[in-house]
Amino acid sequence: MFGASERPRKHIVTSALEHHAVLNTCQALEADGVGVTYVPANRLGLVDPEDVRRALTPDTVLITVMHANNELGTVQSVAEIARLARERKIPFHTDAVQSAGKIPLDVATLSVDLLSLSAHKIYGPKGAGALYVRRGLRLKPQLFGGHHERDRRAGTENVAGVVGFGAAAERASVHLADEAARVAALRDDLEQGILSRVPHCGVNGDLARRTPNTTNIHFDFIEGEPLVIALDLKGVACSTGAACSSGAVEPSHVLTAIGLPPERARASIRFSLGRQSTRDEVDYVLSVLPAVVENLRELSPLYKKAVATTR
């Protein structure tokens, strides 16, 4: 098993779709002189493993490509990317925060060296997470001090958070298949109901290779932010872009990375379903959404022009 580099090598390969937890870290490393290649995605939100291979250099020390995207739900070919990384003895990390508890997750099947998780995404306590490290891969300590967590991170562990994380993971694994099927059915009904009731809208990303809980839909001729606010007033919670990027003015980097023009990226919102989601809630969204969209479009000069052109 490979370990620390024999000589300093300073190049990382990642994707343009990553969560800001990864992207901002890579940008900070760039500021310190580390080279970073951001591999593009296609219009479906998928990264081609061949593009990852072509991005590798003799100085590449890490490949990090997320398992499932937080805005689109698209699931990447992690096992295939991991194989090419292993052939070149380059450590491979995947951000599995969005896939855990939603689709099967097996580090042996994925063949990853590093895999990160977060408790709150599987109904566990906030402030707890996990990093899987393949046996034999040496890491520098994140913090210096005590010998906690096998000398990787000093500081007293959040025991209550860890126990809660474990309980949440156990429950998620027991109900994974049934819950995924139930949520996917609700998501599909919501999606198809919106597409059939609201004109000038469409689904962003791949319709097949995605997690069961997420749909990202663009509503042309309006801005996503006013739509989110209007739906919130109706008791419907949804979001534009990542949930942790509220207040951002720029369009979603994920949506622009898959080729959406800025105006369509700004017109997109994400619906996420979960364990508490019900059929009645889906029906309620479908009952209020068309009128909300129509009211916002009546205020849009672009919409009025488009309607006049088609008459």
C-alpha atoms as a PDB file:
ATOM      1  CA  MET A   1       0.000   0.000   0.000  1.00  0.00           C
ATOM      2  CA  PHE A   2       1.228   3.441  -0.883  1.00  0.00           C
ATOM      3  CA  GLY A   3       1.785   6.064   1.761  1.00  0.00           C
ATOM      4  CA  ALA A   4       3.385   9.471   2.005  1.00  0.00           C
ATOM      5  CA  SER A   5       5.113  10.778  -1.113  1.00  0.00           C
ATOM      6  CA  GLU A   6       8.873  10.347  -1.332  1.00  0.00           C
ATOM      7  CA  ARG A   7       9.176  13.842  -2.766  1.00  0.00           C
ATOM      8  CA  PRO A   8       6.907  16.863  -2.603  1.00  0.00           C
ATOM      9  CA  ARG A   9       4.211  16.677  -5.282  1.00  0.00           C
ATOM     10  CA  LYS A  10       1.669  19.419  -5.583  1.00  0.00           C
ATOM     11  CA  HIS A  11      -1.271  18.700  -7.830  1.00  0.00           C
ATOM     12  CA  ILE A  12      -4.883  17.774  -7.054  1.00  0.00           C
ATOM     13  CA  VAL A  13      -7.609  16.640  -9.444  1.00  0.00           C
ATOM     14  CA  THR A  14     -11.215  17.359  -8.531  1.00  0.00           C
ATOM     15  CA  SER A  15     -14.465  18.120 -10.337  1.00  0.00           C
ATOM     16  CA  ALA A  16     -16.267  21.358 -11.060  1.00  0.00           C
ATOM     17  CA  LEU A  17     -19.346  19.992  -9.274  1.00  0.00           C
ATOM     18  CA  GLU A  18     -17.916  19.585  -5.779  1.00  0.00           C
ATOM     19  CA  HIS A  19     -19.492  20.954  -2.639  1.00  0.00           C
ATOM     20  CA  HIS A  20     -17.870  24.136  -1.348  1.00  0.00           C
ATOM     21  CA  ALA A  21     -16.361  22.082   1.472  1.00  0.00           C
ATOM     22  CA  VAL A  22     -14.064  20.621  -1.180  1.00  0.00           C
ATOM     23  CA  LEU A  23     -13.944  23.493  -3.685  1.00  0.00           C
ATOM     24  CA  ASN A  24     -13.019  26.157  -1.147  1.00  0.00           C
ATOM     25  CA  THR A  25     -10.359  23.888   0.331  1.00  0.00           C
ATOM     26  CA  CYS A  26      -8.848  23.358  -3.115  1.00  0.00           C
ATOM     27  CA  GLN A  27      -8.899  27.099  -3.761  1.00  0.00           C
ATOM     28  CA  ALA A  28      -7.106  27.705  -0.446  1.00  0.00           C
ATOM     29  CA  LEU A  29      -4.468  25.163  -1.463  1.00  0.00           C
ATOM     30  CA  GLU A  30      -4.100  26.928  -4.810  1.00  0.00           C
ATOM     31  CA  ALA A  31      -3.318  30.116  -2.924  1.00  0.00           C
ATOM     32  CA  ASP A  32      -0.490  28.189  -1.251  1.00  0.00           C
ATOM     33  CA  GLY A  33       0.955  27.109  -4.587  1.00  0.00           C
ATOM     34  CA  VAL A  34      -0.760  23.760  -5.095  1.00  0.00           C
ATOM     35  CA  GLY A  35      -1.947  23.084  -8.639  1.00  0.00           C
ATOM     36  CA  VAL A  36      -5.594  22.082  -8.976  1.00  0.00           C
ATOM     37  CA  THR A  37      -7.375  20.769 -12.061  1.00  0.00           C
ATOM     38  CA  TYR A  38     -11.168  21.089 -12.042  1.00  0.00           C
ATOM     39  CA  VAL A  39     -12.513  18.388 -14.339  1.00  0.00           C
ATOM     40  CA  PRO A  40     -15.707  19.441 -16.159  1.00  0.00           C
ATOM     41  CA  ALA A  41     -19.060  17.658 -16.163  1.00  0.00           C
ATOM     42  CA  ASN A  42     -21.438  16.998 -19.033  1.00  0.00           C
ATOM     43  CA  ARG A  43     -24.945  18.461 -19.331  1.00  0.00           C
ATOM     44  CA  LEU A  44     -26.342  15.570 -17.274  1.00  0.00           C
ATOM     45  CA  GLY A  45     -24.062  16.413 -14.359  1.00  0.00           C
ATOM     46  CA  LEU A  46     -21.737  13.452 -14.833  1.00  0.00           C
ATOM     47  CA  VAL A  47     -17.935  13.455 -14.765  1.00  0.00           C
ATOM     48  CA  ASP A  48     -16.180  11.327 -17.393  1.00  0.00           C
ATOM     49  CA  PRO A  49     -13.504   9.152 -15.734  1.00  0.00           C
ATOM     50  CA  GLU A  50     -11.412   9.577 -18.885  1.00  0.00           C
ATOM     51  CA  ASP A  51     -11.314  13.314 -18.225  1.00  0.00           C
ATOM     52  CA  VAL A  52      -9.987  12.543 -14.758  1.00  0.00           C
ATOM     53  CA  ARG A  53      -7.328  10.272 -16.241  1.00  0.00           C
ATOM     54  CA  ARG A  54      -6.236  12.923 -18.726  1.00  0.00           C
ATOM     55  CA  ALA A  55      -5.934  15.484 -15.916  1.00  0.00           C
ATOM     56  CA  LEU A  56      -3.407  13.421 -13.973  1.00  0.00           C
ATOM     57  CA  THR A  57       0.256  14.465 -13.914  1.00  0.00           C
ATOM     58  CA  PRO A  58       3.377  13.015 -12.279  1.00  0.00           C
ATOM     59  CA  ASP A  59       2.801  15.562  -9.483  1.00  0.00           C
ATOM     60  CA  THR A  60      -0.783  14.498  -8.664  1.00  0.00           C
ATOM     61  CA  VAL A  61      -1.078  13.633  -4.968  1.00  0.00           C
ATOM     62  CA  LEU A  62      -4.862  13.353  -4.635  1.00  0.00           C
ATOM     63  CA  ILE A  63      -8.028  12.809  -6.646  1.00  0.00           C
ATOM     64  CA  THR A  64     -11.284  13.894  -5.013  1.00  0.00           C
ATOM     65  CA  VAL A  65     -14.619  13.452  -6.800  1.00  0.00           C
ATOM     66  CA  MET A  66     -17.932  13.412  -4.958  1.00  0.00           C
ATOM     67  CA  HIS A  67     -20.155  10.335  -4.931  1.00  0.00           C
ATOM     68  CA  ALA A  68     -23.528  12.091  -5.222  1.00  0.00           C
ATOM     69  CA  ASN A  69     -24.089  15.752  -5.968  1.00  0.00           C
ATOM     70  CA  ASN A  70     -25.925  17.820  -3.375  1.00  0.00           C
ATOM     71  CA  GLU A  71     -27.900  19.913  -5.885  1.00  0.00           C
ATOM     72  CA  LEU A  72     -28.683  17.461  -8.683  1.00  0.00           C
ATOM     73  CA  GLY A  73     -28.425  14.121  -6.922  1.00  0.00           C
ATOM     74  CA  THR A  74     -26.343  12.733  -9.798  1.00  0.00           C
ATOM     75  CA  VAL A  75     -24.171   9.753  -8.852  1.00  0.00           C
ATOM     76  CA  GLN A  76     -20.647   9.636 -10.253  1.00  0.00           C
ATOM     77  CA  SER A  77     -18.646   6.628 -11.492  1.00  0.00           C
ATOM     78  CA  VAL A  78     -16.608   6.553  -8.297  1.00  0.00           C
ATOM     79  CA  ALA A  79     -15.494   2.926  -8.563  1.00  0.00           C
ATOM     80  CA  GLU A  80     -14.156   3.504 -12.073  1.00  0.00           C
ATOM     81  CA  ILE A  81     -12.257   6.628 -11.025  1.00  0.00           C
ATOM     82  CA  ALA A  82     -10.916   4.767  -7.990  1.00  0.00           C
ATOM     83  CA  ARG A  83      -9.545   2.001 -10.215  1.00  0.00           C
ATOM     84  CA  LEU A  84      -7.532   4.381 -12.362  1.00  0.00           C
ATOM     85  CA  ALA A  85      -6.290   6.141  -9.210  1.00  0.00           C
ATOM     86  CA  ARG A  86      -5.137   2.835  -7.726  1.00  0.00           C
ATOM     87  CA  GLU A  87      -3.339   1.893 -10.936  1.00  0.00           C
ATOM     88  CA  ARG A  88      -1.252   5.038 -10.520  1.00  0.00           C
ATOM     89  CA  LYS A  89      -0.969   4.749  -6.720  1.00  0.00           C
ATOM     90  CA  ILE A  90      -2.714   8.092  -6.198  1.00  0.00           C
ATOM     91  CA  PRO A  91      -4.961   8.389  -3.116  1.00  0.00           C
ATOM     92  CA  PHE A  92      -8.618   8.835  -4.020  1.00  0.00           C
ATOM     93  CA  HIS A  93     -11.193  10.600  -1.825  1.00  0.00           C
ATOM     94  CA  THR A  94     -14.923  10.797  -2.333  1.00  0.00           C
ATOM     95  CA  ASP A  95     -17.416  13.060  -0.588  1.00  0.00           C
ATOM     96  CA  ALA A  96     -20.257  10.648   0.221  1.00  0.00           C
ATOM     97  CA  VAL A  97     -22.225  13.021   2.432  1.00  0.00           C
ATOM     98  CA  GLN A  98     -25.198  13.092   0.046  1.00  0.00           C
ATOM     99  CA  SER A  99     -25.232   9.403  -0.843  1.00  0.00           C
ATOM    100  CA  ALA A 100     -25.062   7.922   2.664  1.00  0.00           C
ATOM    101  CA  GLY A 101     -28.462   6.668   3.782  1.00  0.00           C
ATOM    102  CA  LYS A 102     -29.934   7.077   0.307  1.00  0.00           C
ATOM    103  CA  ILE A 103     -28.113   4.555  -1.886  1.00  0.00           C
ATOM    104  CA  PRO A 104     -25.874   1.560  -1.037  1.00  0.00           C
ATOM    105  CA  LEU A 105     -22.461   2.665   0.176  1.00  0.00           C
ATOM    106  CA  ASP A 106     -19.614   0.147   0.420  1.00  0.00           C
ATOM    107  CA  VAL A 107     -15.977   1.277   0.566  1.00  0.00           C
ATOM    108  CA  ALA A 108     -14.803  -2.101  -0.756  1.00  0.00           C
ATOM    109  CA  THR A 109     -17.093  -1.935  -3.783  1.00  0.00           C
ATOM    110  CA  LEU A 110     -16.180   1.690  -4.445  1.00  0.00           C
ATOM    111  CA  SER A 111     -12.473   0.897  -3.841  1.00  0.00           C
ATOM    112  CA  VAL A 112     -11.828   4.324  -2.329  1.00  0.00           C
ATOM    113  CA  ASP A 113      -8.966   5.302  -0.037  1.00  0.00           C
ATOM    114  CA  LEU A 114     -10.826   8.085   1.756  1.00  0.00           C
ATOM    115  CA  LEU A 115     -14.559   8.654   2.178  1.00  0.00           C
ATOM    116  CA  SER A 116     -16.229  11.429   4.162  1.00  0.00           C
ATOM    117  CA  LEU A 117     -19.641  11.341   5.853  1.00  0.00           C
ATOM    118  CA  SER A 118     -21.793  13.696   7.920  1.00  0.00           C
ATOM    119  CA  ALA A 119     -24.253  12.613  10.603  1.00  0.00           C
ATOM    120  CA  HIS A 120     -26.917  15.254  10.067  1.00  0.00           C
ATOM    121  CA  LYS A 121     -27.592  14.087   6.512  1.00  0.00           C
ATOM    122  CA  ILE A 122     -28.880  10.762   7.837  1.00  0.00           C
ATOM    123  CA  TYR A 123     -30.928  12.275  10.680  1.00  0.00           C
ATOM    124  CA  GLY A 124     -28.099  12.091  13.179  1.00  0.00           C
ATOM    125  CA  PRO A 125     -26.827  14.953  15.374  1.00  0.00           C
ATOM    126  CA  LYS A 126     -25.185  18.000  13.844  1.00  0.00           C
ATOM    127  CA  GLY A 127     -21.485  18.397  14.489  1.00  0.00           C
ATOM    128  CA  ALA A 128     -20.525  14.753  13.987  1.00  0.00           C
ATOM    129  CA  GLY A 129     -18.864  13.269  10.933  1.00  0.00           C
ATOM    130  CA  ALA A 130     -16.627  10.433   9.855  1.00  0.00           C
ATOM    131  CA  LEU A 131     -13.662   9.924   7.554  1.00  0.00           C
ATOM    132  CA  TYR A 132     -12.993   6.420   6.321  1.00  0.00           C
ATOM    133  CA  VAL A 133      -9.258   5.846   5.766  1.00  0.00           C
ATOM    134  CA  ARG A 134      -8.079   2.714   3.972  1.00  0.00           C
ATOM    135  CA  ARG A 135      -5.696   0.673   6.082  1.00  0.00           C
ATOM    136  CA  GLY A 136      -2.081   1.511   5.217  1.00  0.00           C
ATOM    137  CA  LEU A 137      -2.702   5.075   4.051  1.00  0.00           C
ATOM    138  CA  ARG A 138      -0.788   7.480   6.296  1.00  0.00           C
ATOM    139  CA  LEU A 139      -2.205  10.907   7.087  1.00  0.00           C
ATOM    140  CA  LYS A 140      -0.622  13.931   8.685  1.00  0.00           C
ATOM    141  CA  PRO A 141      -2.427  15.043  11.875  1.00  0.00           C
ATOM    142  CA  GLN A 142      -5.112  17.640  11.352  1.00  0.00           C
ATOM    143  CA  LEU A 143      -4.438  19.125  14.785  1.00  0.00           C
ATOM    144  CA  PHE A 144      -1.521  18.706  17.148  1.00  0.00           C
ATOM    145  CA  GLY A 145      -1.924  18.042  20.847  1.00  0.00           C
ATOM    146  CA  GLY A 146      -3.256  14.835  22.380  1.00  0.00           C
ATOM    147  CA  HIS A 147      -3.212  11.381  20.827  1.00  0.00           C
ATOM    148  CA  HIS A 148      -6.902  11.271  20.051  1.00  0.00           C
ATOM    149  CA  GLU A 149      -8.233   9.404  17.017  1.00  0.00           C
ATOM    150  CA  ARG A 150      -4.956   7.549  16.461  1.00  0.00           C
ATOM    151  CA  ASP A 151      -2.948  10.777  16.447  1.00  0.00           C
ATOM    152  CA  ARG A 152      -4.947  12.176  13.522  1.00  0.00           C
ATOM    153  CA  ARG A 153      -6.966  14.832  15.353  1.00  0.00           C
ATOM    154  CA  ALA A 154      -6.217  16.092  18.845  1.00  0.00           C
ATOM    155  CA  GLY A 155      -9.096  17.079  21.092  1.00  0.00           C
ATOM    156  CA  THR A 156     -11.724  15.336  23.203  1.00  0.00           C
ATOM    157  CA  GLU A 157     -14.141  13.417  21.019  1.00  0.00           C
ATOM    158  CA  ASN A 158     -17.823  14.329  20.817  1.00  0.00           C
ATOM    159  CA  VAL A 159     -18.913  11.005  22.289  1.00  0.00           C
ATOM    160  CA  ALA A 160     -22.639  11.799  22.317  1.00  0.00           C
ATOM    161  CA  GLY A 161     -22.478  12.930  18.688  1.00  0.00           C
ATOM    162  CA  VAL A 162     -20.574   9.815  17.653  1.00  0.00           C
ATOM    163  CA  VAL A 163     -23.063   7.518  19.402  1.00  0.00           C
ATOM    164  CA  GLY A 164     -25.945   9.373  17.755  1.00  0.00           C
ATOM    165  CA  PHE A 165     -24.221   9.082  14.403  1.00  0.00           C
ATOM    166  CA  GLY A 166     -23.855   5.342  14.866  1.00  0.00           C
ATOM    167  CA  ALA A 167     -27.514   4.917  15.808  1.00  0.00           C
ATOM    168  CA  ALA A 168     -28.616   6.971  12.797  1.00  0.00           C
ATOM    169  CA  ALA A 169     -26.372   4.944  10.479  1.00  0.00           C
ATOM    170  CA  GLU A 170     -27.753   1.660  11.819  1.00  0.00           C
ATOM    171  CA  ARG A 171     -31.333   2.790  11.311  1.00  0.00           C
ATOM    172  CA  ALA A 172     -30.577   4.109   7.824  1.00  0.00           C
ATOM    173  CA  SER A 173     -29.006   0.811   6.772  1.00  0.00           C
ATOM    174  CA  VAL A 174     -31.953  -1.253   8.029  1.00  0.00           C
ATOM    175  CA  HIS A 175     -34.525   0.803   6.126  1.00  0.00           C
ATOM    176  CA  LEU A 176     -32.374   1.774   3.118  1.00  0.00           C
ATOM    177  CA  ALA A 177     -34.033  -0.209   0.314  1.00  0.00           C
ATOM    178  CA  ASP A 178     -37.652   0.350   1.357  1.00  0.00           C
ATOM    179  CA  GLU A 179     -37.141   4.026   2.154  1.00  0.00           C
ATOM    180  CA  ALA A 180     -35.267   4.692  -1.087  1.00  0.00           C
ATOM    181  CA  ALA A 181     -38.106   3.167  -3.109  1.00  0.00           C
ATOM    182  CA  ARG A 182     -40.757   5.111  -1.198  1.00  0.00           C
ATOM    183  CA  VAL A 183     -38.970   8.449  -1.497  1.00  0.00           C
ATOM    184  CA  ALA A 184     -38.125   7.895  -5.173  1.00  0.00           C
ATOM    185  CA  ALA A 185     -41.811   7.287  -5.927  1.00  0.00           C
ATOM    186  CA  LEU A 186     -42.764  10.528  -4.188  1.00  0.00           C
ATOM    187  CA  ARG A 187     -39.976  12.415  -5.967  1.00  0.00           C
ATOM    188  CA  ASP A 188     -41.035  11.079  -9.366  1.00  0.00           C
ATOM    189  CA  ASP A 189     -44.690  11.978  -8.757  1.00  0.00           C
ATOM    190  CA  LEU A 190     -43.705  15.478  -7.667  1.00  0.00           C
ATOM    191  CA  GLU A 191     -41.465  15.871 -10.687  1.00  0.00           C
ATOM    192  CA  GLN A 192     -43.972  14.597 -13.233  1.00  0.00           C
ATOM    193  CA  GLY A 193     -46.764  16.581 -11.617  1.00  0.00           C
ATOM    194  CA  ILE A 194     -44.770  19.794 -11.942  1.00  0.00           C
ATOM    195  CA  LEU A 195     -43.805  19.118 -15.555  1.00  0.00           C
ATOM    196  CA  SER A 196     -47.412  18.384 -16.512  1.00  0.00           C
ATOM    197  CA  ARG A 197     -48.897  21.400 -14.709  1.00  0.00           C
ATOM    198  CA  VAL A 198     -46.308  24.120 -15.263  1.00  0.00           C
ATOM    199  CA  PRO A 199     -45.180  25.119 -18.765  1.00  0.00           C
ATOM    200  CA  HIS A 200     -41.637  26.234 -19.597  1.00  0.00           C
ATOM    201  CA  CYS A 201     -39.901  24.122 -16.988  1.00  0.00           C
ATOM    202  CA  GLY A 202     -37.612  21.106 -16.998  1.00  0.00           C
ATOM    203  CA  VAL A 203     -35.452  18.848 -14.852  1.00  0.00           C
ATOM    204  CA  ASN A 204     -31.740  19.583 -14.529  1.00  0.00           C
ATOM    205  CA  GLY A 205     -29.325  16.662 -14.541  1.00  0.00           C
ATOM    206  CA  ASP A 206     -29.524  12.952 -15.227  1.00  0.00           C
ATOM    207  CA  LEU A 207     -32.914  11.342 -14.641  1.00  0.00           C
ATOM    208  CA  ALA A 208     -31.505   7.855 -14.033  1.00  0.00           C
ATOM    209  CA  ARG A 209     -28.167   8.018 -12.231  1.00  0.00           C
ATOM    210  CA  ARG A 210     -29.206  10.006  -9.176  1.00  0.00           C
ATOM    211  CA  THR A 211     -30.184   9.636  -5.560  1.00  0.00           C
ATOM    212  CA  PRO A 212     -33.894   8.979  -4.897  1.00  0.00           C
ATOM    213  CA  ASN A 213     -34.593  12.108  -2.872  1.00  0.00           C
ATOM    214  CA  THR A 214     -33.569  15.038  -5.062  1.00  0.00           C
ATOM    215  CA  THR A 215     -34.981  16.872  -8.051  1.00  0.00           C
ATOM    216  CA  ASN A 216     -33.690  20.149  -9.473  1.00  0.00           C
ATOM    217  CA  ILE A 217     -36.096  21.985 -11.779  1.00  0.00           C
ATOM    218  CA  HIS A 218     -35.772  25.187 -13.783  1.00  0.00           C
ATOM    219  CA  PHE A 219     -38.750  27.523 -14.199  1.00  0.00           C
ATOM    220  CA  ASP A 220     -37.945  29.778 -17.128  1.00  0.00           C
ATOM    221  CA  PHE A 221     -38.740  33.508 -17.098  1.00  0.00           C
ATOM    222  CA  ILE A 222     -38.556  33.895 -13.307  1.00  0.00           C
ATOM    223  CA  GLU A 223     -35.878  34.017 -10.626  1.00  0.00           C
ATOM    224  CA  GLY A 224     -35.522  31.091  -8.265  1.00  0.00           C
ATOM    225  CA  GLU A 225     -35.124  33.207  -5.132  1.00  0.00           C
ATOM    226  CA  PRO A 226     -38.563  34.905  -5.308  1.00  0.00           C
ATOM    227  CA  LEU A 227     -40.068  31.499  -6.075  1.00  0.00           C
ATOM    228  CA  VAL A 228     -38.478  30.007  -2.957  1.00  0.00           C
ATOM    229  CA  ILE A 229     -39.799  32.909  -0.864  1.00  0.00           C
ATOM    230  CA  ALA A 230     -43.309  32.656  -2.335  1.00  0.00           C
ATOM    231  CA  LEU A 231     -43.403  28.918  -1.689  1.00  0.00           C
ATOM    232  CA  ASP A 232     -42.092  29.434   1.832  1.00  0.00           C
ATOM    233  CA  LEU A 233     -45.085  31.683   2.495  1.00  0.00           C
ATOM    234  CA  LYS A 234     -47.235  28.739   1.429  1.00  0.00           C
ATOM    235  CA  GLY A 235     -45.446  26.434   3.846  1.00  0.00           C
ATOM    236  CA  VAL A 236     -43.260  24.724   1.238  1.00  0.00           C
ATOM    237  CA  ALA A 237     -39.522  24.442   1.925  1.00  0.00           C
ATOM    238  CA  CYS A 238     -37.172  24.262  -1.064  1.00  0.00           C
ATOM    239  CA  SER A 239     -33.914  25.945  -2.037  1.00  0.00           C
ATOM    240  CA  THR A 240     -31.832  27.501  -4.763  1.00  0.00           C
ATOM    241  CA  GLY A 241     -28.386  25.936  -5.017  1.00  0.00           C
ATOM    242  CA  ALA A 242     -26.796  24.396  -1.939  1.00  0.00           C
ATOM    243  CA  ALA A 243     -28.602  24.789   1.380  1.00  0.00           C
ATOM    244  CA  CYS A 244     -25.413  26.167   2.954  1.00  0.00           C
ATOM    245  CA  SER A 245     -25.123  28.882   0.266  1.00  0.00           C
ATOM    246  CA  SER A 246     -28.256  30.840   1.152  1.00  0.00           C
ATOM    247  CA  GLY A 247     -27.881  34.517   0.362  1.00  0.00           C
ATOM    248  CA  ALA A 248     -25.512  33.891  -2.542  1.00  0.00           C
ATOM    249  CA  VAL A 249     -26.034  36.276  -5.467  1.00  0.00           C
ATOM    250  CA  GLU A 250     -24.182  34.270  -8.108  1.00  0.00           C
ATOM    251  CA  PRO A 251     -25.943  31.390  -9.876  1.00  0.00           C
ATOM    252  CA  SER A 252     -25.171  27.899  -8.684  1.00  0.00           C
ATOM    253  CA  HIS A 253     -21.687  26.773  -9.734  1.00  0.00           C
ATOM    254  CA  VAL A 254     -23.078  23.264 -10.204  1.00  0.00           C
ATOM    255  CA  LEU A 255     -25.745  24.366 -12.676  1.00  0.00           C
ATOM    256  CA  THR A 256     -23.388  26.585 -14.659  1.00  0.00           C
ATOM    257  CA  ALA A 257     -20.839  23.740 -14.678  1.00  0.00           C
ATOM    258  CA  ILE A 258     -23.316  21.502 -16.525  1.00  0.00           C
ATOM    259  CA  GLY A 259     -23.828  24.180 -19.154  1.00  0.00           C
ATOM    260  CA  LEU A 260     -26.945  26.004 -18.012  1.00  0.00           C
ATOM    261  CA  PRO A 261     -26.896  29.694 -18.941  1.00  0.00           C
ATOM    262  CA  PRO A 262     -26.891  32.001 -15.907  1.00  0.00           C
ATOM    263  CA  GLU A 263     -30.536  33.016 -16.358  1.00  0.00           C
ATOM    264  CA  ARG A 264     -31.710  29.378 -16.318  1.00  0.00           C
ATOM    265  CA  ALA A 265     -29.415  28.518 -13.408  1.00  0.00           C
ATOM    266  CA  ARG A 266     -30.967  31.399 -11.464  1.00  0.00           C
ATOM    267  CA  ALA A 267     -34.431  30.101 -12.386  1.00  0.00           C
ATOM    268  CA  SER A 268     -33.785  26.693 -10.835  1.00  0.00           C
ATOM    269  CA  ILE A 269     -34.830  25.363  -7.455  1.00  0.00           C
ATOM    270  CA  ARG A 270     -34.148  22.110  -5.644  1.00  0.00           C
ATOM    271  CA  PHE A 271     -36.761  19.964  -3.940  1.00  0.00           C
ATOM    272  CA  SER A 272     -35.432  17.430  -1.434  1.00  0.00           C
ATOM    273  CA  LEU A 273     -37.588  14.699   0.060  1.00  0.00           C
ATOM    274  CA  GLY A 274     -36.853  12.534   3.062  1.00  0.00           C
ATOM    275  CA  ARG A 275     -38.064  10.282   5.818  1.00  0.00           C
ATOM    276  CA  GLN A 276     -40.862  12.633   6.928  1.00  0.00           C
ATOM    277  CA  SER A 277     -42.113  13.411   3.401  1.00  0.00           C
ATOM    278  CA  THR A 278     -45.654  12.242   2.629  1.00  0.00           C
ATOM    279  CA  ARG A 279     -47.983  11.825  -0.331  1.00  0.00           C
ATOM    280  CA  ASP A 280     -50.214  14.596   1.037  1.00  0.00           C
ATOM    281  CA  GLU A 281     -47.251  16.990   1.044  1.00  0.00           C
ATOM    282  CA  VAL A 282     -46.471  16.222  -2.584  1.00  0.00           C
ATOM    283  CA  ASP A 283     -50.121  16.774  -3.513  1.00  0.00           C
ATOM    284  CA  TYR A 284     -50.104  20.081  -1.636  1.00  0.00           C
ATOM    285  CA  VAL A 285     -47.025  21.330  -3.492  1.00  0.00           C
ATOM    286  CA  LEU A 286     -48.657  20.432  -6.798  1.00  0.00           C
ATOM    287  CA  SER A 287     -51.808  22.298  -5.771  1.00  0.00           C
ATOM    288  CA  VAL A 288     -50.082  25.604  -4.969  1.00  0.00           C
ATOM    289  CA  LEU A 289     -47.008  25.701  -7.211  1.00  0.00           C
ATOM    290  CA  PRO A 290     -48.623  26.419 -10.622  1.00  0.00           C
ATOM    291  CA  ALA A 291     -50.389  29.561  -9.399  1.00  0.00           C
ATOM    292  CA  VAL A 292     -47.261  30.802  -7.608  1.00  0.00           C
ATOM    293  CA  VAL A 293     -45.179  30.385 -10.768  1.00  0.00           C
ATOM    294  CA  GLU A 294     -47.851  32.035 -12.934  1.00  0.00           C
ATOM    295  CA  ASN A 295     -48.118  35.028 -10.584  1.00  0.00           C
ATOM    296  CA  LEU A 296     -44.347  35.571 -10.685  1.00  0.00           C
ATOM    297  CA  ARG A 297     -44.250  35.205 -14.462  1.00  0.00           C
ATOM    298  CA  GLU A 298     -46.952  37.855 -14.842  1.00  0.00           C
ATOM    299  CA  LEU A 299     -44.420  40.269 -13.339  1.00  0.00           C
ATOM    300  CA  SER A 300     -41.705  39.245 -15.808  1.00  0.00           C
ATOM    301  CA  PRO A 301     -41.203  41.282 -18.999  1.00  0.00           C
ATOM    302  CA  LEU A 302     -39.362  38.316 -20.530  1.00  0.00           C
ATOM    303  CA  TYR A 303     -42.364  36.070 -19.996  1.00  0.00           C
ATOM    304  CA  LYS A 304     -44.791  38.593 -21.440  1.00  0.00           C
ATOM    305  CA  LYS A 305     -42.560  38.938 -24.512  1.00  0.00           C
ATOM    306  CA  ALA A 306     -42.317  35.175 -24.931  1.00  0.00           C
ATOM    307  CA  VAL A 307     -46.090  34.732 -24.656  1.00  0.00           C
ATOM    308  CA  ALA A 308     -46.727  37.539 -27.124  1.00  0.00           C
ATOM    309  CA  THR A 309     -44.292  35.996 -29.599  1.00  0.00           C
ATOM    310  CA  THR A 310     -46.063  32.610 -29.538  1.00  0.00           C
ATOM    311  CA  ARG A 311     -49.534  34.067 -30.111  1.00  0.00           C
END
